[in-house]
């Protein structure tokens, strides 16, 4: 389903499109249009109330997948500590697994640092390879299910997992780490895998490249989006002086500027609130300084795998120029393909929301081409 302009605030509109992009399996568009007039301003509780209302309605109608997506959205902007945040997550999870009962998905808990990382596996009947996928800053594994069903049909077993700072592990106290090779290694060990494709979505684009730099069992890696420098990308509308204050450790000045900015910008307010939650930090400065670790420039020469980079020309989170910077820096990669999705074709938004099918087909075509090359004993070239 094409990206739609429904709400005036770009981030709220994007989150609504995260549901719309899955079409009728995830929602009724008329219900989203129904609540849109009440979501014209930044109000996390109003956002919760409207999506929660839709979730309850869908549950009463027996539309459990719709209810799952609605409850997920109701949780999205609630701050840490809000009692509705946990109940919304529980409603989301309950409805999702009720909706998929009897479907061909396997559930796992992967031991990690004394806790567990949840995973879902969808197995291909005639397997060409195994794909491991994870999200980034704000996703749950269940959200990926509707479009990842295409992978087993194309011959690729897919394993989706949540790592530290994501989904259930975050709720159980595991905070985000930039050392993503550690949770990936736990997943590969658990499933006894030694030749996989790793896909990282959104901030996961950094995480996946980081893991590939240090984990040789990853043979192919997809950065779905290209996070060359998370701090610079997520603060691209801020003056360079603000970035320098963070890098120079000017805690009080950064906190004062961040608090002022969040009063004026809904996306800044949410990103700081959620960022502190995922990283376990107490101030905007501490969260932003932690994000200085999320950059790929230094680790890019260590990546020796086949690499696919996906970007959208109108991504409101990630600057378009990150694509070329990242592509150029992959000097040791076996092959590199970069794909920029344009507004003319669709898929120009962050992570191709609105036309996820285009990204899915790009990834599957890339995997098939590498599979064919491997069977012939050849090597891919940079494209």
Protein backbone atom coordinates (compact mmCIF):
# COMPACT_ATOMS: atom_id res chain seq x y z
CA UNK A 1 0.00 0.00 0.00
CA UNK A 2 1.42 3.41 -0.99
CA UNK A 3 2.63 5.85 1.66
CA UNK A 4 -0.15 8.26 2.63
CA UNK A 5 -0.16 11.76 4.05
CA UNK A 6 -2.80 11.57 6.78
CA UNK A 7 -1.36 13.34 9.84
CA UNK A 8 0.45 16.71 9.85
CA UNK A 9 3.35 15.67 12.09
CA UNK A 10 5.81 13.58 10.04
CA UNK A 11 6.69 11.08 12.77
CA UNK A 12 3.08 10.44 13.75
CA UNK A 13 2.19 10.06 10.09
CA UNK A 14 5.06 7.62 9.60
CA UNK A 15 3.93 5.45 12.51
CA UNK A 16 0.41 5.31 11.13
CA UNK A 17 1.86 4.24 7.79
CA UNK A 18 3.76 1.44 9.56
CA UNK A 19 0.37 -0.18 10.02
CA UNK A 20 -1.11 0.87 6.68
CA UNK A 21 1.83 -0.56 4.76
CA UNK A 22 0.65 -4.10 5.57
CA UNK A 23 -2.76 -3.46 4.04
CA UNK A 24 -5.98 -5.18 5.02
CA UNK A 25 -4.21 -7.93 6.94
CA UNK A 26 -3.09 -5.40 9.55
CA UNK A 27 -5.89 -2.84 9.64
CA UNK A 28 -8.97 -1.26 8.19
CA UNK A 29 -7.90 1.98 6.57
CA UNK A 30 -11.22 3.59 7.33
CA UNK A 31 -10.61 3.04 11.04
CA UNK A 32 -7.30 4.84 10.87
CA UNK A 33 -8.94 7.71 9.01
CA UNK A 34 -11.59 7.74 11.73
CA UNK A 35 -9.08 8.45 14.51
CA UNK A 36 -6.86 10.77 12.46
CA UNK A 37 -8.76 14.00 13.35
CA UNK A 38 -7.95 13.35 17.03
CA UNK A 39 -4.24 12.84 16.33
CA UNK A 40 -3.36 16.20 14.82
CA UNK A 41 -1.06 17.27 17.67
CA UNK A 42 1.65 15.64 19.77
CA UNK A 43 -0.19 14.00 22.65
CA UNK A 44 1.07 10.52 23.63
CA UNK A 45 -1.96 9.77 25.81
CA UNK A 46 -4.43 10.75 23.09
CA UNK A 47 -2.46 8.53 20.70
CA UNK A 48 -2.74 5.66 23.16
CA UNK A 49 -6.44 6.16 23.76
CA UNK A 50 -7.40 6.21 20.08
CA UNK A 51 -5.37 3.14 19.12
CA UNK A 52 -6.48 1.33 22.26
CA UNK A 53 -10.10 2.00 21.32
CA UNK A 54 -9.50 0.48 17.89
CA UNK A 55 -7.76 -2.48 19.48
CA UNK A 56 -10.70 -3.20 21.73
CA UNK A 57 -13.11 -2.87 18.81
CA UNK A 58 -11.09 -5.24 16.65
CA UNK A 59 -10.88 -7.78 19.46
CA UNK A 60 -14.63 -7.68 19.97
CA UNK A 61 -15.05 -8.29 16.23
CA UNK A 62 -12.63 -11.22 16.33
CA UNK A 63 -10.11 -9.40 14.11
CA UNK A 64 -7.13 -10.44 16.18
CA UNK A 65 -4.33 -9.44 13.79
CA UNK A 66 -5.87 -5.98 13.46
CA UNK A 67 -6.14 -5.83 17.25
CA UNK A 68 -2.49 -6.80 17.57
CA UNK A 69 -1.29 -3.96 15.33
CA UNK A 70 -3.63 -1.46 16.98
CA UNK A 71 -2.47 -2.38 20.49
CA UNK A 72 1.14 -2.18 19.32
CA UNK A 73 0.58 1.35 18.09
CA UNK A 74 -1.20 2.30 21.32
CA UNK A 75 2.00 1.44 23.21
CA UNK A 76 4.36 3.22 20.87
CA UNK A 77 4.68 6.74 22.30
CA UNK A 78 3.90 6.04 25.96
CA UNK A 79 6.78 6.95 28.28
CA UNK A 80 8.54 4.46 30.51
CA UNK A 81 6.60 3.92 33.71
CA UNK A 82 3.16 4.59 32.26
CA UNK A 83 1.03 1.63 33.43
CA UNK A 84 -0.73 1.48 30.06
CA UNK A 85 2.60 0.77 28.36
CA UNK A 86 2.91 -2.73 29.80
CA UNK A 87 -0.75 -3.63 29.36
CA UNK A 88 -0.67 -2.43 25.75
CA UNK A 89 2.36 -4.63 25.07
CA UNK A 90 0.65 -7.60 26.72
CA UNK A 91 -2.49 -7.03 24.63
CA UNK A 92 -0.38 -6.76 21.47
CA UNK A 93 1.47 -9.99 22.16
CA UNK A 94 -1.64 -11.90 23.23
CA UNK A 95 -3.61 -10.90 20.14
CA UNK A 96 -0.72 -11.64 17.78
CA UNK A 97 -0.17 -15.18 19.01
CA UNK A 98 -3.90 -15.86 19.09
CA UNK A 99 -4.14 -14.61 15.50
CA UNK A 100 -1.30 -16.86 14.34
CA UNK A 101 -2.32 -19.95 16.28
CA UNK A 102 -2.01 -22.98 14.02
CA UNK A 103 0.25 -21.17 11.53
CA UNK A 104 3.70 -22.45 10.66
CA UNK A 105 5.90 -20.51 13.05
CA UNK A 106 8.17 -21.83 15.77
CA UNK A 107 8.96 -19.95 18.98
CA UNK A 108 12.26 -20.08 20.86
CA UNK A 109 13.95 -18.54 23.90
CA UNK A 110 17.70 -18.19 23.34
CA UNK A 111 19.89 -18.05 26.47
CA UNK A 112 21.85 -14.81 26.72
CA UNK A 113 23.66 -13.33 29.70
CA UNK A 114 21.41 -15.11 32.19
CA UNK A 115 18.23 -14.10 30.39
CA UNK A 116 16.55 -14.99 27.09
CA UNK A 117 16.23 -13.53 23.63
CA UNK A 118 12.91 -14.46 21.96
CA UNK A 119 12.97 -15.72 18.39
CA UNK A 120 10.51 -16.82 15.72
CA UNK A 121 11.50 -19.25 12.97
CA UNK A 122 9.69 -19.72 9.67
CA UNK A 123 11.16 -22.71 7.85
CA UNK A 124 11.44 -23.14 4.09
CA UNK A 125 10.44 -26.54 2.75
CA UNK A 126 13.25 -26.54 0.18
CA UNK A 127 15.94 -24.45 1.80
CA UNK A 128 18.40 -22.34 -0.20
CA UNK A 129 19.76 -20.66 2.89
CA UNK A 130 19.04 -19.19 6.32
CA UNK A 131 18.29 -15.53 6.98
CA UNK A 132 18.49 -13.97 10.45
CA UNK A 133 16.69 -10.66 10.93
CA UNK A 134 16.44 -8.16 13.77
CA UNK A 135 15.06 -4.69 14.26
CA UNK A 136 16.66 -1.59 15.68
CA UNK A 137 15.46 1.32 17.82
CA UNK A 138 11.80 0.54 18.40
CA UNK A 139 10.46 -2.64 16.76
CA UNK A 140 9.03 -5.95 18.00
CA UNK A 141 9.71 -9.23 16.18
CA UNK A 142 6.01 -9.92 15.71
CA UNK A 143 5.64 -6.78 13.57
CA UNK A 144 7.80 -8.33 10.85
CA UNK A 145 5.74 -11.49 10.47
CA UNK A 146 3.29 -10.48 7.75
CA UNK A 147 5.91 -9.64 5.12
CA UNK A 148 8.57 -12.13 6.20
CA UNK A 149 6.30 -14.99 5.19
CA UNK A 150 7.59 -14.33 1.66
CA UNK A 151 11.03 -15.65 2.59
CA UNK A 152 10.15 -19.33 3.24
CA UNK A 153 8.04 -19.28 0.08
CA UNK A 154 11.17 -18.16 -1.80
CA UNK A 155 13.30 -20.90 -0.25
CA UNK A 156 14.84 -19.08 2.72
CA UNK A 157 14.32 -20.13 6.30
CA UNK A 158 14.06 -16.99 8.38
CA UNK A 159 14.78 -16.46 12.06
CA UNK A 160 13.63 -13.21 13.66
CA UNK A 161 14.99 -12.31 17.08
CA UNK A 162 14.93 -9.52 19.64
CA UNK A 163 18.21 -8.48 21.19
CA UNK A 164 19.16 -6.25 24.10
CA UNK A 165 17.22 -2.99 24.12
CA UNK A 166 14.36 -4.43 22.07
CA UNK A 167 10.91 -5.84 22.79
CA UNK A 168 10.67 -8.35 25.61
CA UNK A 169 14.39 -8.34 26.54
CA UNK A 170 14.19 -4.58 27.10
CA UNK A 171 11.19 -5.04 29.36
CA UNK A 172 13.14 -7.65 31.28
CA UNK A 173 16.07 -5.30 31.85
CA UNK A 174 18.46 -5.97 28.94
CA UNK A 175 19.53 -2.57 27.62
CA UNK A 176 20.79 -1.81 24.13
CA UNK A 177 24.40 -2.59 23.23
CA UNK A 178 26.38 -1.46 20.20
CA UNK A 179 28.35 -4.73 20.41
CA UNK A 180 25.72 -6.55 18.37
CA UNK A 181 28.01 -9.43 17.48
CA UNK A 182 27.36 -10.77 20.99
CA UNK A 183 23.59 -11.40 20.70
CA UNK A 184 24.03 -12.53 17.09
CA UNK A 185 26.63 -15.08 18.21
CA UNK A 186 24.16 -16.39 20.80
CA UNK A 187 21.54 -16.87 18.07
CA UNK A 188 23.97 -18.61 15.71
CA UNK A 189 25.22 -20.86 18.51
CA UNK A 190 21.68 -21.79 19.55
CA UNK A 191 20.63 -22.81 16.04
CA UNK A 192 24.07 -24.22 15.15
CA UNK A 193 24.42 -21.98 12.09
CA UNK A 194 27.65 -21.14 10.29
CA UNK A 195 26.59 -19.59 6.97
CA UNK A 196 23.81 -17.04 7.26
CA UNK A 197 22.48 -13.80 5.85
CA UNK A 198 21.93 -11.14 8.53
CA UNK A 199 19.39 -8.36 7.95
CA UNK A 200 19.18 -5.35 10.26
CA UNK A 201 16.18 -3.02 10.02
CA UNK A 202 16.35 0.74 10.77
CA UNK A 203 19.00 1.27 13.49
CA UNK A 204 19.55 -2.43 12.91
CA UNK A 205 21.38 -1.35 9.76
CA UNK A 206 24.25 -0.26 12.00
CA UNK A 207 23.87 -3.27 14.30
CA UNK A 208 24.00 -5.78 11.44
CA UNK A 209 27.13 -4.24 9.91
CA UNK A 210 28.76 -4.15 13.34
CA UNK A 211 27.99 -7.85 13.84
CA UNK A 212 29.28 -8.73 10.38
CA UNK A 213 32.60 -7.00 11.13
CA UNK A 214 33.28 -9.38 14.03
CA UNK A 215 31.27 -12.54 13.29
CA UNK A 216 32.56 -14.63 10.33
CA UNK A 217 29.57 -16.96 10.37
CA UNK A 218 27.67 -14.09 8.75
CA UNK A 219 28.37 -14.49 5.03
CA UNK A 220 25.92 -11.91 3.68
CA UNK A 221 24.57 -8.79 5.37
CA UNK A 222 21.76 -6.33 4.58
CA UNK A 223 21.65 -2.84 6.10
CA UNK A 224 17.98 -1.93 5.75
CA UNK A 225 18.59 1.30 6.42
CA UNK A 226 22.12 2.69 6.23
CA UNK A 227 23.16 4.07 9.63
CA UNK A 228 26.61 5.45 8.87
CA UNK A 229 26.50 7.61 12.02
CA UNK A 230 23.47 7.35 14.30
CA UNK A 231 24.23 10.49 16.29
CA UNK A 232 24.68 12.62 13.18
CA UNK A 233 21.72 11.07 11.36
CA UNK A 234 19.21 11.38 14.16
CA UNK A 235 20.34 14.95 14.86
CA UNK A 236 20.75 16.10 11.27
CA UNK A 237 18.59 19.20 11.77
CA UNK A 238 20.68 20.34 14.75
CA UNK A 239 23.64 22.74 14.40
CA UNK A 240 27.10 21.20 14.25
CA UNK A 241 27.87 22.99 17.50
CA UNK A 242 25.33 20.76 19.28
CA UNK A 243 27.06 17.59 18.04
CA UNK A 244 30.41 19.00 19.14
CA UNK A 245 29.06 19.67 22.62
CA UNK A 246 28.07 16.01 22.89
CA UNK A 247 31.44 14.79 21.61
CA UNK A 248 33.25 17.13 24.03
CA UNK A 249 31.28 15.85 27.02
CA UNK A 250 29.48 19.13 27.77
CA UNK A 251 26.76 17.45 29.85
CA UNK A 252 24.95 20.47 31.30
CA UNK A 253 24.87 22.40 28.03
CA UNK A 254 23.63 19.37 26.06
CA UNK A 255 20.92 18.59 28.60
CA UNK A 256 19.69 22.19 28.58
CA UNK A 257 19.58 22.35 24.79
CA UNK A 258 17.91 18.92 24.52
CA UNK A 259 15.21 19.81 27.04
CA UNK A 260 14.46 22.99 25.12
CA UNK A 261 14.37 21.15 21.79
CA UNK A 262 12.02 18.44 23.03
CA UNK A 263 9.47 21.09 24.03
CA UNK A 264 9.39 22.30 20.43
CA UNK A 265 9.62 19.06 18.45
CA UNK A 266 7.58 15.90 18.94
CA UNK A 267 10.16 13.66 17.27
CA UNK A 268 12.96 14.94 19.50
CA UNK A 269 10.78 14.39 22.57
CA UNK A 270 9.98 10.80 21.60
CA UNK A 271 13.50 9.92 20.48
CA UNK A 272 15.01 11.17 23.72
CA UNK A 273 12.39 9.44 25.86
CA UNK A 274 12.65 6.15 24.02
CA UNK A 275 16.41 6.40 23.58
CA UNK A 276 16.98 6.78 27.32
CA UNK A 277 14.66 3.81 27.88
CA UNK A 278 16.48 1.51 25.45
CA UNK A 279 19.99 2.46 26.58
CA UNK A 280 19.21 2.61 30.29
CA UNK A 281 20.46 6.18 30.60
CA UNK A 282 19.06 8.91 32.84
CA UNK A 283 19.68 12.10 30.87
CA UNK A 284 19.55 13.19 27.23
CA UNK A 285 23.30 13.73 27.28
CA UNK A 286 24.02 10.19 28.46
CA UNK A 287 21.78 8.72 25.77
CA UNK A 288 23.25 10.90 23.02
CA UNK A 289 26.80 10.22 24.14
CA UNK A 290 26.06 6.49 24.07
CA UNK A 291 24.97 6.94 20.46
CA UNK A 292 28.46 8.15 19.54
CA UNK A 293 29.36 4.44 19.49
CA UNK A 294 26.82 3.71 16.74
CA UNK A 295 28.85 4.59 13.67
CA UNK A 296 30.33 2.35 11.00
CA UNK A 297 33.25 4.36 9.62
CA UNK A 298 35.96 2.61 11.63
CA UNK A 299 34.55 -0.91 11.38
CA UNK A 300 33.62 -0.83 7.68
CA UNK A 301 37.06 -2.04 6.45
CA UNK A 302 36.61 -5.15 8.63
CA UNK A 303 33.50 -6.26 6.72
CA UNK A 304 34.40 -8.96 4.20
CA UNK A 305 30.94 -10.26 3.34
CA UNK A 306 28.53 -9.61 0.48
CA UNK A 307 26.68 -6.43 1.45
CA UNK A 308 23.34 -4.96 0.39
CA UNK A 309 22.54 -1.37 1.40
CA UNK A 310 18.96 -0.06 1.18
CA UNK A 311 17.93 3.59 1.44
CA UNK A 312 15.02 5.92 0.64
CA UNK A 313 15.42 9.38 -0.86
CA UNK A 314 12.81 10.93 1.49
CA UNK A 315 13.78 9.12 4.69
CA UNK A 316 12.99 11.49 7.57
CA UNK A 317 15.39 9.70 9.94
CA UNK A 318 18.41 8.87 7.77
CA UNK A 319 20.23 11.30 5.43
CA UNK A 320 20.39 10.04 1.85
CA UNK A 321 24.12 10.75 1.63
CA UNK A 322 24.80 7.96 4.16
CA UNK A 323 24.30 5.44 1.34
CA UNK A 324 27.29 6.59 -0.71
CA UNK A 325 29.46 7.16 2.35
CA UNK A 326 28.82 3.63 3.55
CA UNK A 327 29.23 2.06 0.14
CA UNK A 328 32.59 3.75 -0.42
CA UNK A 329 33.87 2.71 3.02
CA UNK A 330 33.32 -1.04 2.44
CA UNK A 331 36.75 -1.51 0.96
CA UNK A 332 37.18 -5.17 2.00
CA UNK A 333 33.69 -6.46 1.23
CA UNK A 334 33.36 -9.37 -1.18
CA UNK A 335 30.64 -7.42 -2.99
CA UNK A 336 28.55 -4.32 -2.36
CA UNK A 337 25.19 -3.36 -3.82
CA UNK A 338 23.50 -0.07 -2.97
CA UNK A 339 19.83 0.55 -3.72
CA UNK A 340 18.17 3.97 -3.40
CA UNK A 341 14.38 3.89 -3.62
CA UNK A 342 12.83 7.00 -5.15
CA UNK A 343 9.49 8.74 -4.71
CA UNK A 344 8.62 8.01 -8.32
CA UNK A 345 8.76 4.25 -7.79
CA UNK A 346 7.69 4.28 -4.12
CA UNK A 347 9.69 3.03 -1.19
CA UNK A 348 11.31 6.43 -0.64
CA UNK A 349 10.41 6.52 3.07
CA UNK A 350 12.33 5.10 6.01
CA UNK A 351 12.73 1.33 5.60
CA UNK A 352 10.48 1.57 2.55
CA UNK A 353 7.33 1.92 4.63
CA UNK A 354 4.51 2.28 2.14
CA UNK A 355 6.17 -0.14 -0.31
CA UNK A 356 7.89 -2.77 1.80
CA UNK A 357 7.21 -5.19 -1.04
CA UNK A 358 9.85 -3.36 -3.13
CA UNK A 359 12.51 -3.86 -0.46
CA UNK A 360 11.48 -7.47 0.07
CA UNK A 361 11.81 -8.21 -3.63
CA UNK A 362 15.17 -6.41 -3.79
CA UNK A 363 16.51 -8.54 -0.94
CA UNK A 364 15.17 -11.80 -2.34
CA UNK A 365 16.51 -11.04 -5.82
CA UNK A 366 19.91 -10.25 -4.31
CA UNK A 367 19.90 -13.47 -2.30
CA UNK A 368 18.90 -15.48 -5.36
CA UNK A 369 21.67 -13.91 -7.44
CA UNK A 370 24.27 -14.77 -4.79
CA UNK A 371 22.87 -18.29 -4.50
CA UNK A 372 23.28 -18.75 -8.24
CA UNK A 373 26.82 -17.34 -8.15
CA UNK A 374 27.77 -19.69 -5.30
CA UNK A 375 26.43 -22.68 -7.20
CA UNK A 376 28.60 -21.67 -10.18
CA UNK A 377 31.63 -20.96 -8.02
CA UNK A 378 31.87 -17.29 -9.02
CA UNK A 379 32.02 -13.97 -7.18
CA UNK A 380 29.81 -10.89 -7.19
CA UNK A 381 30.93 -7.36 -8.07
CA UNK A 382 30.17 -3.96 -6.60
CA UNK A 383 26.99 -2.41 -8.05
